[in-house]
Amino acid sequence: MAKLVLSLNGVVQGEYPLNKERMTVGRKPDNDIQVDNLAVSGKHALVITILDDSFLEDLGSTNGTYVNGKLIKKHALRDGDVVGIGKHELKYVNEHATADDEEFEKTMIIRPGSASAAVAAAKAAEQAGAVDESAPAPAAAAAEAPKPAGGMPLGKLSVLNGPIAGKQLELTKALITLGKPGEQVAVISRRPQGYFLTHIESGGDGANFPIVNGNRIGAQAYAIQPGDIIELAGIKMEFSLAG
């Protein structure tokens, strides 16, 4: 099992198995990994573990999160990586890690706060693999639906309302975060068993979980099925599989 080894000035202070899908790192005692130092933010960083791979995300910390001396926002952890927060270090130990940064999609903002932000969000959607359902599909597109590695049908999200309604986001990455940072963010992960939705962030109310078919999903990963309606940050999306 993967783990993080916490140290200060070369002295090991603790080892933390990554035995939960999401673990927070920060100064407050309610974190999974507490680092009691004023240079560390209350909620500093998040570690998401999917099967054999772990992904690190800075949670808007004051002093930043570093990996091997480089400031990061999101990072796919590799065996031996050294995470720096404040004066402390967390060494990632996992001989089975296989993911890279290309598998961790940047957060897709699905509810921008202004007209200019809406344009930027639409552009980001296109860059992330979204397509406009109103546009005629090329004849060749119907020949064979694309599939991610492993032969699983490609997952899609069709945006039903809001500034980018009509857009369709193809879930080509193993892990993609979406929502509105500071308000509500979730991650969709692709596993051998299918696609799963996991809550990451809520603004103010930590229990403000995503909604699927009218019901909040809770803190655990939720297996989404074709036809499910996902509601996140006030935006509704329908999940489907290509083909």
Protein backbone atom coordinates (compact mmCIF):
# COMPACT_ATOMS: atom_id res chain seq x y z
CA MET A 1 0.00 0.00 0.00
CA ALA A 2 1.21 3.48 -0.84
CA LYS A 3 2.19 5.75 2.04
CA LEU A 4 3.47 9.22 2.88
CA VAL A 5 6.39 9.57 5.29
CA LEU A 6 6.37 12.88 7.19
CA SER A 7 9.69 14.36 8.28
CA LEU A 8 11.16 17.62 9.57
CA ASN A 9 14.86 18.40 9.11
CA GLY A 10 15.48 14.77 8.18
CA VAL A 11 13.78 13.36 11.29
CA VAL A 12 10.80 11.10 10.55
CA GLN A 13 7.68 12.18 12.44
CA GLY A 14 5.17 9.68 11.14
CA GLU A 15 4.06 7.33 8.36
CA TYR A 16 0.59 7.53 6.83
CA PRO A 17 -0.80 4.69 4.69
CA LEU A 18 -2.98 6.04 1.88
CA ASN A 19 -5.87 3.77 2.80
CA LYS A 20 -8.65 6.24 1.94
CA GLU A 21 -9.71 7.53 -1.45
CA ARG A 22 -9.20 11.13 -0.35
CA MET A 23 -6.93 12.35 2.46
CA THR A 24 -6.32 15.95 3.45
CA VAL A 25 -3.05 17.44 4.69
CA GLY A 26 -2.99 20.58 6.82
CA ARG A 27 -2.48 22.32 10.15
CA LYS A 28 -5.98 21.74 11.59
CA PRO A 29 -6.48 18.61 13.71
CA ASP A 30 -9.35 17.34 11.54
CA ASN A 31 -6.97 16.59 8.65
CA ASP A 32 -6.00 13.00 7.89
CA ILE A 33 -2.36 14.09 8.01
CA GLN A 34 -1.90 16.93 10.50
CA VAL A 35 1.22 19.08 10.17
CA ASP A 36 1.26 21.43 13.16
CA ASN A 37 3.24 24.36 11.81
CA LEU A 38 2.21 27.97 11.14
CA ALA A 39 3.67 27.80 7.63
CA VAL A 40 1.08 25.14 6.79
CA SER A 41 -2.49 26.17 5.93
CA GLY A 42 -5.48 24.79 7.80
CA LYS A 43 -6.47 22.74 4.75
CA HIS A 44 -3.27 22.71 2.72
CA ALA A 45 -3.43 19.86 0.22
CA LEU A 46 -5.48 16.87 -0.87
CA VAL A 47 -4.30 13.40 -1.88
CA ILE A 48 -6.66 11.36 -4.05
CA THR A 49 -5.82 7.65 -4.37
CA ILE A 50 -7.34 5.61 -7.19
CA LEU A 51 -6.29 1.95 -7.18
CA ASP A 52 -2.44 2.00 -7.32
CA ASP A 53 -2.07 5.69 -8.12
CA SER A 54 -2.22 8.85 -6.01
CA PHE A 55 -2.79 12.44 -7.13
CA LEU A 56 -1.83 15.55 -5.14
CA GLU A 57 -3.71 18.85 -5.31
CA ASP A 58 -2.94 22.11 -3.53
CA LEU A 59 -6.07 23.51 -1.85
CA GLY A 60 -5.22 27.17 -2.31
CA SER A 61 -2.65 27.18 0.49
CA THR A 62 -0.92 30.41 1.51
CA ASN A 63 2.64 29.19 1.07
CA GLY A 64 2.10 26.65 -1.70
CA THR A 65 2.75 22.95 -2.19
CA TYR A 66 6.01 21.76 -3.74
CA VAL A 67 7.04 18.46 -5.31
CA ASN A 68 10.78 17.87 -5.65
CA GLY A 69 11.30 21.62 -5.19
CA LYS A 70 8.77 22.68 -7.85
CA LEU A 71 5.60 24.61 -7.01
CA ILE A 72 2.52 22.64 -8.13
CA LYS A 73 -1.25 22.94 -8.24
CA LYS A 74 -1.92 19.35 -9.29
CA HIS A 75 0.53 16.48 -9.58
CA ALA A 76 0.43 12.73 -10.23
CA LEU A 77 2.67 11.29 -7.52
CA ARG A 78 5.52 8.95 -8.40
CA ASP A 79 7.49 6.66 -6.12
CA GLY A 80 10.14 8.70 -4.29
CA ASP A 81 8.53 12.11 -4.84
CA VAL A 82 9.18 14.55 -1.98
CA VAL A 83 6.29 16.88 -1.18
CA GLY A 84 7.22 20.11 0.59
CA ILE A 85 4.70 21.98 2.75
CA GLY A 86 6.11 24.67 5.00
CA LYS A 87 9.30 23.30 6.54
CA HIS A 88 8.03 19.71 6.48
CA GLU A 89 8.47 17.04 3.84
CA LEU A 90 6.24 14.13 2.86
CA LYS A 91 7.95 11.36 0.90
CA TYR A 92 5.67 9.31 -1.34
CA VAL A 93 6.44 5.59 -1.27
CA ASN A 94 4.70 3.38 -3.85
CA GLU A 95 6.53 0.98 -6.16
CA HIS A 96 3.33 0.32 -8.13
CA ALA A 97 2.51 3.91 -9.15
CA THR A 98 1.96 4.21 -12.92
CA ALA A 99 0.05 7.46 -13.53
CA ASP A 100 1.54 10.67 -14.87
CA ASP A 101 0.40 14.29 -14.98
CA GLU A 102 -1.28 13.77 -18.36
CA GLU A 103 -3.82 11.54 -16.59
CA PHE A 104 -4.85 14.29 -14.13
CA GLU A 105 -7.04 16.78 -15.99
CA LYS A 106 -7.17 20.38 -14.78
CA THR A 107 -10.37 21.39 -13.01
CA MET A 108 -13.17 21.98 -15.50
CA ILE A 109 -15.08 25.09 -14.34
CA ILE A 110 -18.70 24.34 -15.17
CA ARG A 111 -20.30 27.46 -13.65
CA PRO A 112 -18.25 30.60 -14.27
CA GLY A 113 -19.15 33.81 -12.46
CA SER A 114 -19.21 36.27 -15.36
CA ALA A 115 -19.80 36.52 -19.10
CA SER A 116 -16.07 36.67 -19.82
CA ALA A 117 -15.53 33.68 -17.55
CA ALA A 118 -18.26 31.83 -19.43
CA VAL A 119 -16.36 32.32 -22.68
CA ALA A 120 -13.18 31.08 -21.00
CA ALA A 121 -15.04 28.06 -19.60
CA ALA A 122 -16.40 27.16 -23.02
CA LYS A 123 -12.91 27.41 -24.48
CA ALA A 124 -11.55 25.23 -21.66
CA ALA A 125 -14.28 22.68 -22.34
CA GLU A 126 -13.24 22.43 -25.97
CA GLN A 127 -9.58 22.05 -25.02
CA ALA A 128 -10.48 19.32 -22.52
CA GLY A 129 -12.22 17.26 -25.19
CA ALA A 130 -15.71 18.72 -25.22
CA VAL A 131 -17.76 18.87 -28.39
CA ASP A 132 -20.81 20.92 -29.37
CA GLU A 133 -23.75 18.56 -29.74
CA SER A 134 -25.55 21.07 -32.00
CA ALA A 135 -22.86 20.78 -34.67
CA PRO A 136 -23.27 18.06 -37.32
CA ALA A 137 -21.07 15.05 -36.66
CA PRO A 138 -18.58 13.99 -39.33
CA ALA A 139 -19.57 10.77 -41.10
CA ALA A 140 -16.40 9.05 -39.93
CA ALA A 141 -17.29 9.68 -36.28
CA ALA A 142 -20.05 7.08 -36.41
CA ALA A 143 -17.71 4.36 -37.62
CA GLU A 144 -16.37 3.46 -34.21
CA ALA A 145 -16.82 5.10 -30.80
CA PRO A 146 -13.49 6.00 -29.15
CA LYS A 147 -12.36 3.96 -26.20
CA PRO A 148 -9.85 4.78 -23.45
CA ALA A 149 -7.04 2.39 -22.61
CA GLY A 150 -8.31 -0.98 -21.45
CA GLY A 151 -11.20 -1.19 -23.95
CA MET A 152 -13.85 0.44 -21.74
CA PRO A 153 -16.37 2.58 -23.66
CA LEU A 154 -15.57 6.27 -23.39
CA GLY A 155 -17.60 8.18 -20.81
CA LYS A 156 -19.26 11.49 -21.64
CA LEU A 157 -20.97 14.30 -19.75
CA SER A 158 -23.63 16.33 -21.55
CA VAL A 159 -24.13 19.74 -19.90
CA LEU A 160 -27.88 20.38 -19.58
CA ASN A 161 -28.00 23.97 -18.26
CA GLY A 162 -25.87 27.01 -17.49
CA PRO A 163 -23.39 29.02 -19.60
CA ILE A 164 -21.98 25.98 -21.43
CA ALA A 165 -25.26 24.08 -21.92
CA GLY A 166 -25.09 21.83 -24.96
CA LYS A 167 -21.41 21.06 -24.54
CA GLN A 168 -20.33 17.46 -24.21
CA LEU A 169 -17.21 16.60 -22.23
CA GLU A 170 -15.44 13.38 -23.16
CA LEU A 171 -13.86 11.70 -20.14
CA THR A 172 -10.60 10.73 -21.82
CA LYS A 173 -8.46 11.08 -18.68
CA ALA A 174 -8.20 8.59 -15.82
CA LEU A 175 -9.05 11.40 -13.43
CA ILE A 176 -10.86 14.67 -14.13
CA THR A 177 -11.94 17.30 -11.61
CA LEU A 178 -14.90 19.52 -12.35
CA GLY A 179 -17.06 22.10 -10.60
CA LYS A 180 -16.50 25.59 -9.27
CA PRO A 181 -13.46 25.96 -6.95
CA GLY A 182 -14.42 27.47 -3.61
CA GLU A 183 -18.01 26.31 -4.00
CA GLN A 184 -18.22 22.66 -5.06
CA VAL A 185 -15.70 20.40 -6.79
CA ALA A 186 -15.82 16.67 -7.52
CA VAL A 187 -13.66 14.17 -9.37
CA ILE A 188 -14.69 11.53 -11.89
CA SER A 189 -12.29 8.60 -12.04
CA ARG A 190 -12.11 5.80 -14.60
CA ARG A 191 -11.48 2.35 -13.15
CA PRO A 192 -11.68 -1.19 -14.56
CA GLN A 193 -15.17 -1.46 -13.00
CA GLY A 194 -16.46 1.74 -14.61
CA TYR A 195 -16.69 5.46 -13.81
CA PHE A 196 -16.91 6.80 -10.26
CA LEU A 197 -17.86 10.22 -8.85
CA THR A 198 -16.15 11.42 -5.65
CA HIS A 199 -16.71 14.62 -3.66
CA ILE A 200 -13.64 16.83 -3.16
CA GLU A 201 -14.56 20.34 -2.06
CA SER A 202 -17.52 22.31 -0.71
CA GLY A 203 -17.60 26.02 0.01
CA GLY A 204 -18.59 26.62 3.63
CA ASP A 205 -20.67 23.46 4.06
CA GLY A 206 -18.43 20.40 4.05
CA ALA A 207 -21.48 18.17 3.59
CA ASN A 208 -22.55 19.80 0.32
CA PHE A 209 -22.03 16.63 -1.70
CA PRO A 210 -22.79 16.26 -5.42
CA ILE A 211 -26.29 15.10 -6.38
CA VAL A 212 -27.05 12.10 -8.60
CA ASN A 213 -30.65 11.56 -9.73
CA GLY A 214 -31.90 13.89 -6.99
CA ASN A 215 -29.95 12.31 -4.11
CA ARG A 216 -26.69 13.43 -2.48
CA ILE A 217 -24.00 10.77 -2.89
CA GLY A 218 -22.13 11.12 0.44
CA ALA A 219 -18.39 11.01 1.07
CA GLN A 220 -17.62 7.68 -0.63
CA ALA A 221 -17.00 7.07 -4.32
CA TYR A 222 -20.26 6.59 -6.23
CA ALA A 223 -20.49 4.38 -9.33
CA ILE A 224 -22.26 6.36 -12.04
CA GLN A 225 -24.34 4.65 -14.71
CA PRO A 226 -25.45 5.72 -18.21
CA GLY A 227 -28.45 8.02 -17.92
CA ASP A 228 -27.54 9.32 -14.45
CA ILE A 229 -28.11 13.06 -13.97
CA ILE A 230 -25.28 14.64 -11.98
CA GLU A 231 -25.76 18.03 -10.34
CA LEU A 232 -22.67 19.95 -9.29
CA ALA A 233 -22.38 23.65 -8.39
CA GLY A 234 -25.90 24.18 -9.73
CA ILE A 235 -25.13 22.62 -13.12
CA LYS A 236 -26.84 19.43 -14.31
CA MET A 237 -25.04 16.94 -16.56
CA GLU A 238 -26.10 13.62 -18.02
CA PHE A 239 -23.58 10.76 -18.00
CA SER A 240 -23.44 8.38 -20.95
CA LEU A 241 -21.11 5.93 -22.66
CA ALA A 242 -20.02 6.20 -26.28
CA GLY A 243 -21.19 3.56 -28.70
